[in-house]
């Protein structure tokens, strides 16, 4: 007999929180990128170049996380709804 192995409300809450987190992260990253670019006007030694490379790699990883997690949000929302529907049938 099939059964729901997820709490639909918990899944919906996580999906909502993930969406909020992504929006906040994008906003914070935009602000931080602006500050980082401004910093490059006054910090120009080799350490800056090294840090800039690491920073840019990290930003790419964060962007990848954002893209993947944003693609999963609709899936999580649908899964929560399907679990609710299943539980309501029982």
N, C-alpha and C. Protein backbone atom coordinates (compact mmCIF):
# COMPACT_ATOMS: atom_id res chain seq x y z
N UNK A 1 0.84 -1.18 0.00
CA UNK A 1 0.00 0.00 0.00
C UNK A 1 0.89 1.25 0.00
N UNK A 2 0.69 2.17 -0.93
CA UNK A 2 1.52 3.38 -0.97
C UNK A 2 1.28 4.24 0.26
N UNK A 3 2.33 4.96 0.65
CA UNK A 3 2.19 5.85 1.78
C UNK A 3 3.03 7.11 1.57
N UNK A 4 2.61 8.18 2.19
CA UNK A 4 3.37 9.42 2.13
C UNK A 4 4.49 9.33 3.17
N UNK A 5 5.72 9.53 2.72
CA UNK A 5 6.86 9.43 3.62
C UNK A 5 7.47 10.82 3.79
N UNK A 6 6.63 11.81 3.79
CA UNK A 6 7.08 13.19 3.97
C UNK A 6 5.97 13.97 4.66
N UNK A 7 6.36 14.89 5.49
CA UNK A 7 5.38 15.79 6.10
C UNK A 7 5.17 16.93 5.10
N UNK A 8 4.00 17.00 4.47
CA UNK A 8 3.79 18.00 3.42
C UNK A 8 3.96 19.44 3.92
N UNK A 9 3.56 19.70 5.15
CA UNK A 9 3.70 21.06 5.68
C UNK A 9 5.17 21.41 5.90
N UNK A 10 5.93 20.45 6.38
CA UNK A 10 7.36 20.68 6.58
C UNK A 10 8.06 20.90 5.24
N UNK A 11 7.68 20.13 4.24
CA UNK A 11 8.26 20.28 2.91
C UNK A 11 7.89 21.62 2.30
N UNK A 12 6.64 22.03 2.45
CA UNK A 12 6.20 23.33 1.93
C UNK A 12 6.93 24.46 2.65
N UNK A 13 7.10 24.32 3.95
CA UNK A 13 7.80 25.35 4.73
C UNK A 13 9.26 25.46 4.27
N UNK A 14 9.90 24.30 4.07
CA UNK A 14 11.29 24.31 3.59
C UNK A 14 11.38 24.97 2.22
N UNK A 15 10.47 24.63 1.34
CA UNK A 15 10.45 25.20 -0.01
C UNK A 15 10.32 26.73 0.07
N UNK A 16 9.41 27.19 0.91
CA UNK A 16 9.21 28.63 1.09
C UNK A 16 10.48 29.29 1.65
N UNK A 17 11.07 28.66 2.67
CA UNK A 17 12.28 29.22 3.27
C UNK A 17 13.45 29.23 2.30
N UNK A 18 13.54 28.20 1.47
CA UNK A 18 14.60 28.15 0.46
C UNK A 18 14.43 29.29 -0.54
N UNK A 19 13.20 29.54 -0.95
CA UNK A 19 12.93 30.63 -1.88
C UNK A 19 13.32 31.98 -1.26
N UNK A 20 12.94 32.18 0.00
CA UNK A 20 13.29 33.42 0.70
C UNK A 20 14.81 33.55 0.84
N UNK A 21 15.46 32.46 1.21
CA UNK A 21 16.91 32.46 1.37
C UNK A 21 17.59 32.84 0.05
N UNK A 22 17.14 32.25 -1.05
CA UNK A 22 17.73 32.55 -2.35
C UNK A 22 17.57 34.02 -2.71
N UNK A 23 16.40 34.58 -2.43
CA UNK A 23 16.19 36.01 -2.73
C UNK A 23 17.12 36.88 -1.88
N UNK A 24 17.25 36.55 -0.61
CA UNK A 24 18.13 37.32 0.27
C UNK A 24 19.59 37.16 -0.15
N UNK A 25 19.96 35.95 -0.52
CA UNK A 25 21.33 35.69 -0.95
C UNK A 25 21.65 36.47 -2.22
N UNK A 26 20.73 36.48 -3.17
CA UNK A 26 20.95 37.25 -4.40
C UNK A 26 21.12 38.74 -4.09
N UNK A 27 20.29 39.25 -3.21
CA UNK A 27 20.39 40.66 -2.84
C UNK A 27 21.73 40.94 -2.14
N UNK A 28 22.10 40.10 -1.21
CA UNK A 28 23.36 40.28 -0.49
C UNK A 28 24.56 40.15 -1.43
N UNK A 29 24.49 39.19 -2.35
CA UNK A 29 25.58 39.02 -3.30
C UNK A 29 25.71 40.24 -4.20
N UNK A 30 24.60 40.83 -4.59
CA UNK A 30 24.65 42.04 -5.40
C UNK A 30 25.35 43.17 -4.66
N UNK A 31 25.01 43.34 -3.40
CA UNK A 31 25.65 44.38 -2.59
C UNK A 31 27.13 44.09 -2.40
N UNK A 32 27.44 42.84 -2.08
CA UNK A 32 28.84 42.47 -1.85
C UNK A 32 29.67 42.61 -3.12
N UNK A 33 29.11 42.25 -4.26
CA UNK A 33 29.83 42.40 -5.53
C UNK A 33 30.13 43.87 -5.80
N UNK A 34 29.18 44.74 -5.50
CA UNK A 34 29.42 46.17 -5.67
C UNK A 34 30.55 46.65 -4.79
N UNK A 35 30.57 46.21 -3.55
CA UNK A 35 31.64 46.59 -2.63
C UNK A 35 32.98 46.00 -3.08
N UNK A 36 32.94 44.77 -3.56
CA UNK A 36 34.17 44.13 -4.02
C UNK A 36 34.75 44.88 -5.22
N UNK A 37 33.89 45.27 -6.14
CA UNK A 37 34.36 46.02 -7.31
C UNK A 37 34.95 47.36 -6.90
N UNK A 38 34.32 48.03 -5.93
CA UNK A 38 34.85 49.31 -5.45
C UNK A 38 36.19 49.10 -4.75
N UNK A 39 36.32 48.01 -4.02
CA UNK A 39 37.57 47.71 -3.33
C UNK A 39 38.72 47.55 -4.31
N UNK A 40 38.42 47.03 -5.49
CA UNK A 40 39.44 46.85 -6.51
C UNK A 40 40.05 48.15 -6.99
N UNK A 41 39.39 49.26 -6.72
CA UNK A 41 39.94 50.57 -7.10
C UNK A 41 41.08 50.99 -6.18
N UNK A 42 41.09 50.48 -4.96
CA UNK A 42 42.11 50.90 -4.00
C UNK A 42 43.05 49.77 -3.59
N UNK A 43 42.66 48.54 -3.81
CA UNK A 43 43.49 47.39 -3.43
C UNK A 43 43.96 46.73 -4.71
N UNK A 44 45.25 46.89 -5.01
CA UNK A 44 45.73 46.45 -6.33
C UNK A 44 46.97 45.56 -6.30
N UNK A 45 47.31 44.99 -5.17
CA UNK A 45 48.52 44.16 -5.13
C UNK A 45 48.22 42.70 -5.49
N UNK A 46 49.25 41.86 -5.36
CA UNK A 46 49.09 40.45 -5.73
C UNK A 46 48.08 39.73 -4.84
N UNK A 47 48.02 40.12 -3.59
CA UNK A 47 47.05 39.50 -2.68
C UNK A 47 45.62 39.77 -3.16
N UNK A 48 45.41 40.95 -3.71
CA UNK A 48 44.08 41.25 -4.25
C UNK A 48 43.77 40.35 -5.42
N UNK A 49 44.74 40.17 -6.29
CA UNK A 49 44.53 39.31 -7.45
C UNK A 49 44.21 37.88 -7.02
N UNK A 50 44.96 37.39 -6.02
CA UNK A 50 44.72 36.04 -5.51
C UNK A 50 43.32 35.95 -4.90
N UNK A 51 42.99 36.93 -4.07
CA UNK A 51 41.67 36.93 -3.44
C UNK A 51 40.57 37.06 -4.48
N UNK A 52 40.79 37.90 -5.49
CA UNK A 52 39.78 38.11 -6.53
C UNK A 52 39.48 36.80 -7.26
N UNK A 53 40.50 36.02 -7.55
CA UNK A 53 40.27 34.73 -8.22
C UNK A 53 39.45 33.80 -7.33
N UNK A 54 39.80 33.72 -6.07
CA UNK A 54 39.06 32.86 -5.15
C UNK A 54 37.63 33.36 -4.96
N UNK A 55 37.49 34.67 -4.87
CA UNK A 55 36.17 35.27 -4.71
C UNK A 55 35.29 34.94 -5.91
N UNK A 56 35.83 35.12 -7.11
CA UNK A 56 35.05 34.86 -8.32
C UNK A 56 34.68 33.38 -8.45
N UNK A 57 35.57 32.49 -8.05
CA UNK A 57 35.24 31.06 -8.07
C UNK A 57 34.12 30.75 -7.08
N UNK A 58 34.19 31.37 -5.92
CA UNK A 58 33.16 31.15 -4.91
C UNK A 58 31.82 31.70 -5.38
N UNK A 59 31.83 32.86 -6.00
CA UNK A 59 30.60 33.45 -6.53
C UNK A 59 29.98 32.51 -7.57
N UNK A 60 30.80 31.91 -8.41
CA UNK A 60 30.28 30.96 -9.41
C UNK A 60 29.62 29.76 -8.73
N UNK A 61 30.22 29.28 -7.66
CA UNK A 61 29.65 28.14 -6.94
C UNK A 61 28.32 28.53 -6.29
N UNK A 62 28.28 29.72 -5.74
CA UNK A 62 27.03 30.20 -5.14
C UNK A 62 25.96 30.34 -6.21
N UNK A 63 26.32 30.88 -7.36
CA UNK A 63 25.37 31.02 -8.47
C UNK A 63 24.85 29.65 -8.90
N UNK A 64 25.73 28.67 -8.94
CA UNK A 64 25.32 27.32 -9.32
C UNK A 64 24.32 26.77 -8.29
N UNK A 65 24.61 26.97 -7.02
CA UNK A 65 23.67 26.54 -5.99
C UNK A 65 22.32 27.22 -6.16
N UNK A 66 22.34 28.53 -6.41
CA UNK A 66 21.09 29.27 -6.58
C UNK A 66 20.30 28.73 -7.76
N UNK A 67 20.96 28.48 -8.87
CA UNK A 67 20.26 27.97 -10.05
C UNK A 67 19.64 26.60 -9.78
N UNK A 68 20.42 25.72 -9.17
CA UNK A 68 19.92 24.37 -8.90
C UNK A 68 18.78 24.41 -7.90
N UNK A 69 18.96 25.16 -6.83
CA UNK A 69 17.92 25.18 -5.80
C UNK A 69 16.65 25.85 -6.31
N UNK A 70 16.79 26.87 -7.16
CA UNK A 70 15.60 27.52 -7.71
C UNK A 70 14.84 26.58 -8.65
N UNK A 71 15.55 25.69 -9.31
CA UNK A 71 14.88 24.70 -10.16
C UNK A 71 14.14 23.67 -9.31
N UNK A 72 14.62 23.42 -8.11
CA UNK A 72 13.99 22.42 -7.24
C UNK A 72 12.78 22.95 -6.48
N UNK A 73 12.67 24.25 -6.33
CA UNK A 73 11.56 24.81 -5.54
C UNK A 73 10.21 24.38 -6.09
N UNK A 74 9.92 24.53 -7.39
CA UNK A 74 8.62 24.07 -7.90
C UNK A 74 8.40 22.57 -7.68
N UNK A 75 9.44 21.78 -7.82
CA UNK A 75 9.33 20.34 -7.58
C UNK A 75 8.93 20.07 -6.13
N UNK A 76 9.58 20.76 -5.20
CA UNK A 76 9.27 20.58 -3.78
C UNK A 76 7.84 21.00 -3.47
N UNK A 77 7.41 22.10 -4.09
CA UNK A 77 6.04 22.58 -3.86
C UNK A 77 5.02 21.57 -4.39
N UNK A 78 5.28 21.02 -5.58
CA UNK A 78 4.36 20.02 -6.15
C UNK A 78 4.35 18.75 -5.31
N UNK A 79 5.52 18.35 -4.84
CA UNK A 79 5.60 17.15 -4.01
C UNK A 79 4.82 17.35 -2.71
N UNK A 80 4.92 18.52 -2.13
CA UNK A 80 4.17 18.81 -0.90
C UNK A 80 2.67 18.75 -1.17
N UNK A 81 2.25 19.30 -2.30
CA UNK A 81 0.82 19.29 -2.64
C UNK A 81 0.33 17.86 -2.89
N UNK A 82 1.13 17.07 -3.60
CA UNK A 82 0.75 15.68 -3.85
C UNK A 82 0.64 14.90 -2.54
N UNK A 83 1.56 15.16 -1.62
CA UNK A 83 1.51 14.48 -0.32
C UNK A 83 0.27 14.91 0.46
N UNK A 84 -0.07 16.21 0.41
CA UNK A 84 -1.30 16.69 1.06
C UNK A 84 -2.52 15.99 0.46
N UNK A 85 -2.57 15.95 -0.87
CA UNK A 85 -3.71 15.31 -1.55
C UNK A 85 -3.82 13.84 -1.15
N UNK A 86 -2.69 13.16 -1.09
CA UNK A 86 -2.70 11.74 -0.73
C UNK A 86 -3.21 11.56 0.70
N UNK A 87 -2.71 12.37 1.62
CA UNK A 87 -3.13 12.27 3.02
C UNK A 87 -4.61 12.58 3.16
N UNK A 88 -5.09 13.56 2.41
CA UNK A 88 -6.51 13.93 2.47
C UNK A 88 -7.42 12.81 1.95
N UNK A 89 -6.93 11.98 1.05
CA UNK A 89 -7.72 10.87 0.50
C UNK A 89 -7.92 9.76 1.53
N UNK A 90 -7.02 9.64 2.43
CA UNK A 90 -7.04 8.52 3.38
C UNK A 90 -8.07 8.68 4.42
